């Protein structure tokens, strides 16, 4: 698809039109992640993306939809320069 076709499709259908394609390439799915949002830190399993484009993180009790924040693999070393 061309850029113009893709953006037109996004404008008409939203992210939901790309959910299946995204899922096929989603390397976070099934991995333990840490999500940091302002003063909040949450750890869970990345469970794909919602039709809205939000990252789905399951913490064993609740399914969280993350639309912004810092996401990294759990256990990954954080480097601050």
PDB file of N, CA and C in Angstrom:
ATOM      1  N   UNK A   1       0.838  -1.191   0.000  1.00  0.00           N
ATOM      2  CA  UNK A   1       0.000   0.000   0.000  1.00  0.00           C
ATOM      3  C   UNK A   1       0.873   1.242   0.000  1.00  0.00           C
ATOM      4  N   UNK A   2       0.402   2.272  -0.623  1.00  0.00           N
ATOM      5  CA  UNK A   2       1.117   3.540  -0.603  1.00  0.00           C
ATOM      6  C   UNK A   2       0.816   4.274   0.702  1.00  0.00           C
ATOM      7  N   UNK A   3       1.625   5.269   0.988  1.00  0.00           N
ATOM      8  CA  UNK A   3       1.419   6.067   2.191  1.00  0.00           C
ATOM      9  C   UNK A   3       0.046   6.726   2.162  1.00  0.00           C
ATOM     10  N   UNK A   4      -0.336   7.267   1.016  1.00  0.00           N
ATOM     11  CA  UNK A   4      -1.631   7.939   0.893  1.00  0.00           C
ATOM     12  C   UNK A   4      -2.784   6.959   1.130  1.00  0.00           C
ATOM     13  N   UNK A   5      -2.660   5.748   0.603  1.00  0.00           N
ATOM     14  CA  UNK A   5      -3.697   4.734   0.800  1.00  0.00           C
ATOM     15  C   UNK A   5      -3.790   4.342   2.268  1.00  0.00           C
ATOM     16  N   UNK A   6      -2.620   4.152   2.882  1.00  0.00           N
ATOM     17  CA  UNK A   6      -2.589   3.741   4.290  1.00  0.00           C
ATOM     18  C   UNK A   6      -3.170   4.817   5.189  1.00  0.00           C
ATOM     19  N   UNK A   7      -2.775   6.068   4.984  1.00  0.00           N
ATOM     20  CA  UNK A   7      -3.312   7.139   5.831  1.00  0.00           C
ATOM     21  C   UNK A   7      -4.806   7.327   5.593  1.00  0.00           C
ATOM     22  N   UNK A   8      -5.250   7.163   4.362  1.00  0.00           N
ATOM     23  CA  UNK A   8      -6.684   7.248   4.070  1.00  0.00           C
ATOM     24  C   UNK A   8      -7.451   6.149   4.776  1.00  0.00           C
ATOM     25  N   UNK A   9      -6.875   4.960   4.784  1.00  0.00           N
ATOM     26  CA  UNK A   9      -7.507   3.829   5.476  1.00  0.00           C
ATOM     27  C   UNK A   9      -7.568   4.089   6.980  1.00  0.00           C
ATOM     28  N   UNK A  10      -6.487   4.656   7.527  1.00  0.00           N
ATOM     29  CA  UNK A  10      -6.471   4.971   8.955  1.00  0.00           C
ATOM     30  C   UNK A  10      -7.528   6.022   9.286  1.00  0.00           C
ATOM     31  N   UNK A  11      -7.627   7.043   8.457  1.00  0.00           N
ATOM     32  CA  UNK A  11      -8.630   8.092   8.695  1.00  0.00           C
ATOM     33  C   UNK A  11     -10.047   7.525   8.642  1.00  0.00           C
ATOM     34  N   UNK A  12     -10.282   6.587   7.740  1.00  0.00           N
ATOM     35  CA  UNK A  12     -11.627   6.029   7.575  1.00  0.00           C
ATOM     36  C   UNK A  12     -11.969   4.988   8.635  1.00  0.00           C
ATOM     37  N   UNK A  13     -10.983   4.144   9.000  1.00  0.00           N
ATOM     38  CA  UNK A  13     -11.279   2.994   9.857  1.00  0.00           C
ATOM     39  C   UNK A  13     -10.593   3.016  11.216  1.00  0.00           C
ATOM     40  N   UNK A  14      -9.634   3.913  11.423  1.00  0.00           N
ATOM     41  CA  UNK A  14      -8.894   3.958  12.677  1.00  0.00           C
ATOM     42  C   UNK A  14      -7.884   2.828  12.765  1.00  0.00           C
ATOM     43  N   UNK A  15      -7.284   2.675  13.936  1.00  0.00           N
ATOM     44  CA  UNK A  15      -6.250   1.657  14.127  1.00  0.00           C
ATOM     45  C   UNK A  15      -6.802   0.241  13.986  1.00  0.00           C
ATOM     46  N   UNK A  16      -8.090   0.067  14.228  1.00  0.00           N
ATOM     47  CA  UNK A  16      -8.705  -1.265  14.165  1.00  0.00           C
ATOM     48  C   UNK A  16      -8.412  -1.959  12.833  1.00  0.00           C
ATOM     49  N   UNK A  17      -8.275  -1.199  11.760  1.00  0.00           N
ATOM     50  CA  UNK A  17      -7.995  -1.770  10.444  1.00  0.00           C
ATOM     51  C   UNK A  17      -6.614  -2.412  10.377  1.00  0.00           C
ATOM     52  N   UNK A  18      -5.728  -2.067  11.308  1.00  0.00           N
ATOM     53  CA  UNK A  18      -4.350  -2.547  11.275  1.00  0.00           C
ATOM     54  C   UNK A  18      -4.033  -3.532  12.410  1.00  0.00           C
ATOM     55  N   UNK A  19      -5.010  -3.830  13.254  1.00  0.00           N
ATOM     56  CA  UNK A  19      -4.773  -4.676  14.426  1.00  0.00           C
ATOM     57  C   UNK A  19      -4.204  -6.040  14.059  1.00  0.00           C
ATOM     58  N   UNK A  20      -4.755  -6.703  13.057  1.00  0.00           N
ATOM     59  CA  UNK A  20      -4.273  -8.038  12.663  1.00  0.00           C
ATOM     60  C   UNK A  20      -2.843  -7.972  12.150  1.00  0.00           C
ATOM     61  N   UNK A  21      -2.543  -6.976  11.322  1.00  0.00           N
ATOM     62  CA  UNK A  21      -1.174  -6.821  10.805  1.00  0.00           C
ATOM     63  C   UNK A  21      -0.207  -6.556  11.947  1.00  0.00           C
ATOM     64  N   UNK A  22      -0.612  -5.704  12.873  1.00  0.00           N
ATOM     65  CA  UNK A  22       0.251  -5.377  14.012  1.00  0.00           C
ATOM     66  C   UNK A  22       0.522  -6.630  14.847  1.00  0.00           C
ATOM     67  N   UNK A  23      -0.518  -7.412  15.096  1.00  0.00           N
ATOM     68  CA  UNK A  23      -0.378  -8.614  15.915  1.00  0.00           C
ATOM     69  C   UNK A  23       0.631  -9.594  15.321  1.00  0.00           C
ATOM     70  N   UNK A  24       0.685  -9.677  14.005  1.00  0.00           N
ATOM     71  CA  UNK A  24       1.622 -10.585  13.349  1.00  0.00           C
ATOM     72  C   UNK A  24       3.076 -10.171  13.588  1.00  0.00           C
ATOM     73  N   UNK A  25       3.309  -8.899  13.879  1.00  0.00           N
ATOM     74  CA  UNK A  25       4.667  -8.379  14.067  1.00  0.00           C
ATOM     75  C   UNK A  25       4.968  -8.000  15.514  1.00  0.00           C
ATOM     76  N   UNK A  26       4.050  -8.244  16.424  1.00  0.00           N
ATOM     77  CA  UNK A  26       4.149  -7.789  17.808  1.00  0.00           C
ATOM     78  C   UNK A  26       5.136  -8.633  18.609  1.00  0.00           C
ATOM     79  N   UNK A  27       6.358  -8.158  18.772  1.00  0.00           N
ATOM     80  CA  UNK A  27       7.383  -8.929  19.493  1.00  0.00           C
ATOM     81  C   UNK A  27       7.257  -8.798  21.007  1.00  0.00           C
ATOM     82  N   UNK A  28       6.424  -7.895  21.493  1.00  0.00           N
ATOM     83  CA  UNK A  28       6.215  -7.778  22.941  1.00  0.00           C
ATOM     84  C   UNK A  28       5.198  -8.790  23.472  1.00  0.00           C
ATOM     85  N   UNK A  29       4.302  -9.248  22.614  1.00  0.00           N
ATOM     86  CA  UNK A  29       3.215 -10.137  23.047  1.00  0.00           C
ATOM     87  C   UNK A  29       3.770 -11.351  23.794  1.00  0.00           C
ATOM     88  N   UNK A  30       3.225 -11.571  24.996  1.00  0.00           N
ATOM     89  CA  UNK A  30       3.618 -12.724  25.803  1.00  0.00           C
ATOM     90  C   UNK A  30       4.843 -12.489  26.674  1.00  0.00           C
ATOM     91  N   UNK A  31       5.448 -11.325  26.557  1.00  0.00           N
ATOM     92  CA  UNK A  31       6.642 -11.033  27.363  1.00  0.00           C
ATOM     93  C   UNK A  31       6.272 -10.221  28.600  1.00  0.00           C
ATOM     94  N   UNK A  32       7.034 -10.415  29.658  1.00  0.00           N
ATOM     95  CA  UNK A  32       6.840  -9.640  30.893  1.00  0.00           C
ATOM     96  C   UNK A  32       7.422  -8.246  30.660  1.00  0.00           C
ATOM     97  N   UNK A  33       6.622  -7.233  30.926  1.00  0.00           N
ATOM     98  CA  UNK A  33       7.033  -5.848  30.717  1.00  0.00           C
ATOM     99  C   UNK A  33       6.818  -5.016  31.972  1.00  0.00           C
ATOM    100  N   UNK A  34       7.510  -3.896  32.016  1.00  0.00           N
ATOM    101  CA  UNK A  34       7.321  -2.881  33.053  1.00  0.00           C
ATOM    102  C   UNK A  34       6.833  -1.628  32.348  1.00  0.00           C
ATOM    103  N   UNK A  35       5.752  -1.052  32.848  1.00  0.00           N
ATOM    104  CA  UNK A  35       5.200   0.180  32.296  1.00  0.00           C
ATOM    105  C   UNK A  35       5.312   1.255  33.366  1.00  0.00           C
ATOM    106  N   UNK A  36       5.902   2.378  32.999  1.00  0.00           N
ATOM    107  CA  UNK A  36       6.026   3.511  33.920  1.00  0.00           C
ATOM    108  C   UNK A  36       5.260   4.689  33.343  1.00  0.00           C
ATOM    109  N   UNK A  37       4.352   5.214  34.165  1.00  0.00           N
ATOM    110  CA  UNK A  37       3.533   6.363  33.786  1.00  0.00           C
ATOM    111  C   UNK A  37       3.542   7.340  34.948  1.00  0.00           C
ATOM    112  N   UNK A  38       4.141   8.473  34.771  1.00  0.00           N
ATOM    113  CA  UNK A  38       4.275   9.477  35.823  1.00  0.00           C
ATOM    114  C   UNK A  38       4.771   8.831  37.109  1.00  0.00           C
ATOM    115  N   UNK A  39       3.956   8.772  38.185  1.00  0.00           N
ATOM    116  CA  UNK A  39       4.388   8.204  39.469  1.00  0.00           C
ATOM    117  C   UNK A  39       4.039   6.726  39.594  1.00  0.00           C
ATOM    118  N   UNK A  40       3.483   6.145  38.559  1.00  0.00           N
ATOM    119  CA  UNK A  40       2.968   4.785  38.629  1.00  0.00           C
ATOM    120  C   UNK A  40       3.875   3.808  37.882  1.00  0.00           C
ATOM    121  N   UNK A  41       4.073   2.640  38.477  1.00  0.00           N
ATOM    122  CA  UNK A  41       4.869   1.578  37.855  1.00  0.00           C
ATOM    123  C   UNK A  41       4.053   0.298  37.921  1.00  0.00           C
ATOM    124  N   UNK A  42       3.918  -0.363  36.781  1.00  0.00           N
ATOM    125  CA  UNK A  42       3.110  -1.582  36.709  1.00  0.00           C
ATOM    126  C   UNK A  42       3.911  -2.646  35.968  1.00  0.00           C
ATOM    127  N   UNK A  43       3.832  -3.877  36.449  1.00  0.00           N
ATOM    128  CA  UNK A  43       4.498  -4.980  35.769  1.00  0.00           C
ATOM    129  C   UNK A  43       3.442  -6.011  35.387  1.00  0.00           C
ATOM    130  N   UNK A  44       3.582  -6.572  34.199  1.00  0.00           N
ATOM    131  CA  UNK A  44       2.624  -7.568  33.749  1.00  0.00           C
ATOM    132  C   UNK A  44       3.063  -8.186  32.436  1.00  0.00           C
ATOM    133  N   UNK A  45       2.158  -8.877  31.802  1.00  0.00           N
ATOM    134  CA  UNK A  45       2.425  -9.544  30.537  1.00  0.00           C
ATOM    135  C   UNK A  45       1.785  -8.735  29.409  1.00  0.00           C
ATOM    136  N   UNK A  46       2.581  -8.405  28.395  1.00  0.00           N
ATOM    137  CA  UNK A  46       2.049  -7.711  27.223  1.00  0.00           C
ATOM    138  C   UNK A  46       1.132  -8.681  26.485  1.00  0.00           C
ATOM    139  N   UNK A  47      -0.089  -8.247  26.224  1.00  0.00           N
ATOM    140  CA  UNK A  47      -1.098  -9.121  25.620  1.00  0.00           C
ATOM    141  C   UNK A  47      -1.611  -8.568  24.302  1.00  0.00           C
ATOM    142  N   UNK A  48      -0.749  -7.856  23.574  1.00  0.00           N
ATOM    143  CA  UNK A  48      -1.147  -7.327  22.276  1.00  0.00           C
ATOM    144  C   UNK A  48      -1.620  -5.895  22.355  1.00  0.00           C
ATOM    145  N   UNK A  49      -2.313  -5.485  21.302  1.00  0.00           N
ATOM    146  CA  UNK A  49      -2.846  -4.127  21.251  1.00  0.00           C
ATOM    147  C   UNK A  49      -4.348  -4.175  21.033  1.00  0.00           C
ATOM    148  N   UNK A  50      -5.011  -3.205  21.616  1.00  0.00           N
ATOM    149  CA  UNK A  50      -6.459  -3.071  21.455  1.00  0.00           C
ATOM    150  C   UNK A  50      -6.760  -2.416  20.111  1.00  0.00           C
ATOM    151  N   UNK A  51      -8.002  -2.438  19.707  1.00  0.00           N
ATOM    152  CA  UNK A  51      -8.390  -1.794  18.453  1.00  0.00           C
ATOM    153  C   UNK A  51      -8.158  -0.291  18.472  1.00  0.00           C
ATOM    154  N   UNK A  52      -7.967   0.270  19.654  1.00  0.00           N
ATOM    155  CA  UNK A  52      -7.674   1.699  19.781  1.00  0.00           C
ATOM    156  C   UNK A  52      -6.187   1.989  19.593  1.00  0.00           C
ATOM    157  N   UNK A  53      -5.359   0.931  19.593  1.00  0.00           N
ATOM    158  CA  UNK A  53      -3.914   1.092  19.497  1.00  0.00           C
ATOM    159  C   UNK A  53      -3.227   1.030  20.843  1.00  0.00           C
ATOM    160  N   UNK A  54      -3.981   0.942  21.925  1.00  0.00           N
ATOM    161  CA  UNK A  54      -3.400   0.879  23.268  1.00  0.00           C
ATOM    162  C   UNK A  54      -2.734  -0.471  23.502  1.00  0.00           C
ATOM    163  N   UNK A  55      -1.594  -0.455  24.183  1.00  0.00           N
ATOM    164  CA  UNK A  55      -0.932  -1.684  24.591  1.00  0.00           C
ATOM    165  C   UNK A  55      -1.747  -2.325  25.704  1.00  0.00           C
ATOM    166  N   UNK A  56      -2.027  -3.613  25.590  1.00  0.00           N
ATOM    167  CA  UNK A  56      -2.754  -4.333  26.631  1.00  0.00           C
ATOM    168  C   UNK A  56      -1.728  -5.016  27.526  1.00  0.00           C
ATOM    169  N   UNK A  57      -1.804  -4.732  28.838  1.00  0.00           N
ATOM    170  CA  UNK A  57      -0.913  -5.357  29.817  1.00  0.00           C
ATOM    171  C   UNK A  57      -1.782  -6.031  30.868  1.00  0.00           C
ATOM    172  N   UNK A  58      -1.578  -7.326  31.035  1.00  0.00           N
ATOM    173  CA  UNK A  58      -2.337  -8.085  32.031  1.00  0.00           C
ATOM    174  C   UNK A  58      -1.452  -8.317  33.250  1.00  0.00           C
ATOM    175  N   UNK A  59      -1.961  -7.958  34.430  1.00  0.00           N
ATOM    176  CA  UNK A  59      -1.157  -8.121  35.648  1.00  0.00           C
ATOM    177  C   UNK A  59      -1.640  -9.276  36.511  1.00  0.00           C
ATOM    178  N   UNK A  60      -2.462 -10.145  35.958  1.00  0.00           N
ATOM    179  CA  UNK A  60      -2.979 -11.284  36.707  1.00  0.00           C
ATOM    180  C   UNK A  60      -4.355 -11.040  37.276  1.00  0.00           C
ATOM    181  N   UNK A  61      -4.715  -9.779  37.434  1.00  0.00           N
ATOM    182  CA  UNK A  61      -6.020  -9.422  37.984  1.00  0.00           C
ATOM    183  C   UNK A  61      -6.814  -8.552  37.018  1.00  0.00           C
ATOM    184  N   UNK A  62      -6.125  -7.608  36.387  1.00  0.00           N
ATOM    185  CA  UNK A  62      -6.785  -6.601  35.567  1.00  0.00           C
ATOM    186  C   UNK A  62      -6.080  -6.490  34.222  1.00  0.00           C
ATOM    187  N   UNK A  63      -6.857  -6.178  33.201  1.00  0.00           N
ATOM    188  CA  UNK A  63      -6.301  -5.897  31.885  1.00  0.00           C
ATOM    189  C   UNK A  63      -6.205  -4.375  31.753  1.00  0.00           C
ATOM    190  N   UNK A  64      -4.976  -3.862  31.668  1.00  0.00           N
ATOM    191  CA  UNK A  64      -4.749  -2.422  31.558  1.00  0.00           C
ATOM    192  C   UNK A  64      -4.516  -2.054  30.104  1.00  0.00           C
ATOM    193  N   UNK A  65      -5.056  -0.923  29.678  1.00  0.00           N
ATOM    194  CA  UNK A  65      -4.831  -0.410  28.331  1.00  0.00           C
ATOM    195  C   UNK A  65      -3.931   0.812  28.460  1.00  0.00           C
ATOM    196  N   UNK A  66      -2.730   0.689  27.958  1.00  0.00           N
ATOM    197  CA  UNK A  66      -1.712   1.733  28.106  1.00  0.00           C
ATOM    198  C   UNK A  66      -1.624   2.542  26.815  1.00  0.00           C
ATOM    199  N   UNK A  67      -1.879   3.849  26.908  1.00  0.00           N
ATOM    200  CA  UNK A  67      -1.802   4.704  25.725  1.00  0.00           C
ATOM    201  C   UNK A  67      -0.567   5.593  25.725  1.00  0.00           C
ATOM    202  N   UNK A  68       0.076   5.734  26.884  1.00  0.00           N
ATOM    203  CA  UNK A  68       1.323   6.499  26.939  1.00  0.00           C
ATOM    204  C   UNK A  68       2.133   6.052  28.143  1.00  0.00           C
ATOM    205  N   UNK A  69       3.413   6.258  28.066  1.00  0.00           N
ATOM    206  CA  UNK A  69       4.298   5.879  29.150  1.00  0.00           C
ATOM    207  C   UNK A  69       5.552   5.232  28.603  1.00  0.00           C
ATOM    208  N   UNK A  70       6.403   4.783  29.490  1.00  0.00           N
ATOM    209  CA  UNK A  70       7.631   4.096  29.115  1.00  0.00           C
ATOM    210  C   UNK A  70       7.411   2.610  29.323  1.00  0.00           C
ATOM    211  N   UNK A  71       7.708   1.826  28.299  1.00  0.00           N
ATOM    212  CA  UNK A  71       7.539   0.379  28.372  1.00  0.00           C
ATOM    213  C   UNK A  71       8.894  -0.261  28.117  1.00  0.00           C
ATOM    214  N   UNK A  72       9.276  -1.200  28.981  1.00  0.00           N
ATOM    215  CA  UNK A  72      10.513  -1.953  28.775  1.00  0.00           C
ATOM    216  C   UNK A  72      10.295  -3.379  29.227  1.00  0.00           C
ATOM    217  N   UNK A  73      11.144  -4.259  28.741  1.00  0.00           N
ATOM    218  CA  UNK A  73      11.064  -5.646  29.167  1.00  0.00           C
ATOM    219  C   UNK A  73      11.442  -5.733  30.640  1.00  0.00           C
ATOM    220  N   UNK A  74      10.724  -6.524  31.403  1.00  0.00           N
ATOM    221  CA  UNK A  74      11.045  -6.727  32.813  1.00  0.00           C
ATOM    222  C   UNK A  74      12.405  -7.417  32.895  1.00  0.00           C
ATOM    223  N   UNK A  75      13.216  -6.994  33.842  1.00  0.00           N
ATOM    224  CA  UNK A  75      14.541  -7.573  33.996  1.00  0.00           C
ATOM    225  C   UNK A  75      15.591  -6.905  33.133  1.00  0.00           C
ATOM    226  N   UNK A  76      15.159  -6.041  32.214  1.00  0.00           N
ATOM    227  CA  UNK A  76      16.106  -5.330  31.354  1.00  0.00           C
ATOM    228  C   UNK A  76      16.835  -4.275  32.196  1.00  0.00           C
ATOM    229  N   UNK A  77      18.078  -4.087  31.914  1.00  0.00           N
ATOM    230  CA  UNK A  77      18.869  -3.091  32.633  1.00  0.00           C
ATOM    231  C   UNK A  77      18.539  -1.712  32.073  1.00  0.00           C
ATOM    232  N   UNK A  78      18.232  -0.800  32.955  1.00  0.00           N
ATOM    233  CA  UNK A  78      17.948   0.561  32.556  1.00  0.00           C
ATOM    234  C   UNK A  78      19.222   1.377  32.609  1.00  0.00           C
ATOM    235  N   UNK A  79      19.566   2.012  31.511  1.00  0.00           N
ATOM    236  CA  UNK A  79      20.784   2.816  31.447  1.00  0.00           C
ATOM    237  C   UNK A  79      20.391   4.280  31.452  1.00  0.00           C
ATOM    238  N   UNK A  80      20.915   5.025  32.402  1.00  0.00           N
ATOM    239  CA  UNK A  80      20.661   6.460  32.490  1.00  0.00           C
ATOM    240  C   UNK A  80      21.959   7.174  32.210  1.00  0.00           C
ATOM    241  N   UNK A  81      21.952   8.047  31.224  1.00  0.00           N
ATOM    242  CA  UNK A  81      23.177   8.758  30.845  1.00  0.00           C
ATOM    243  C   UNK A  81      23.159  10.178  31.366  1.00  0.00           C
TER     244      UNK A  81
END
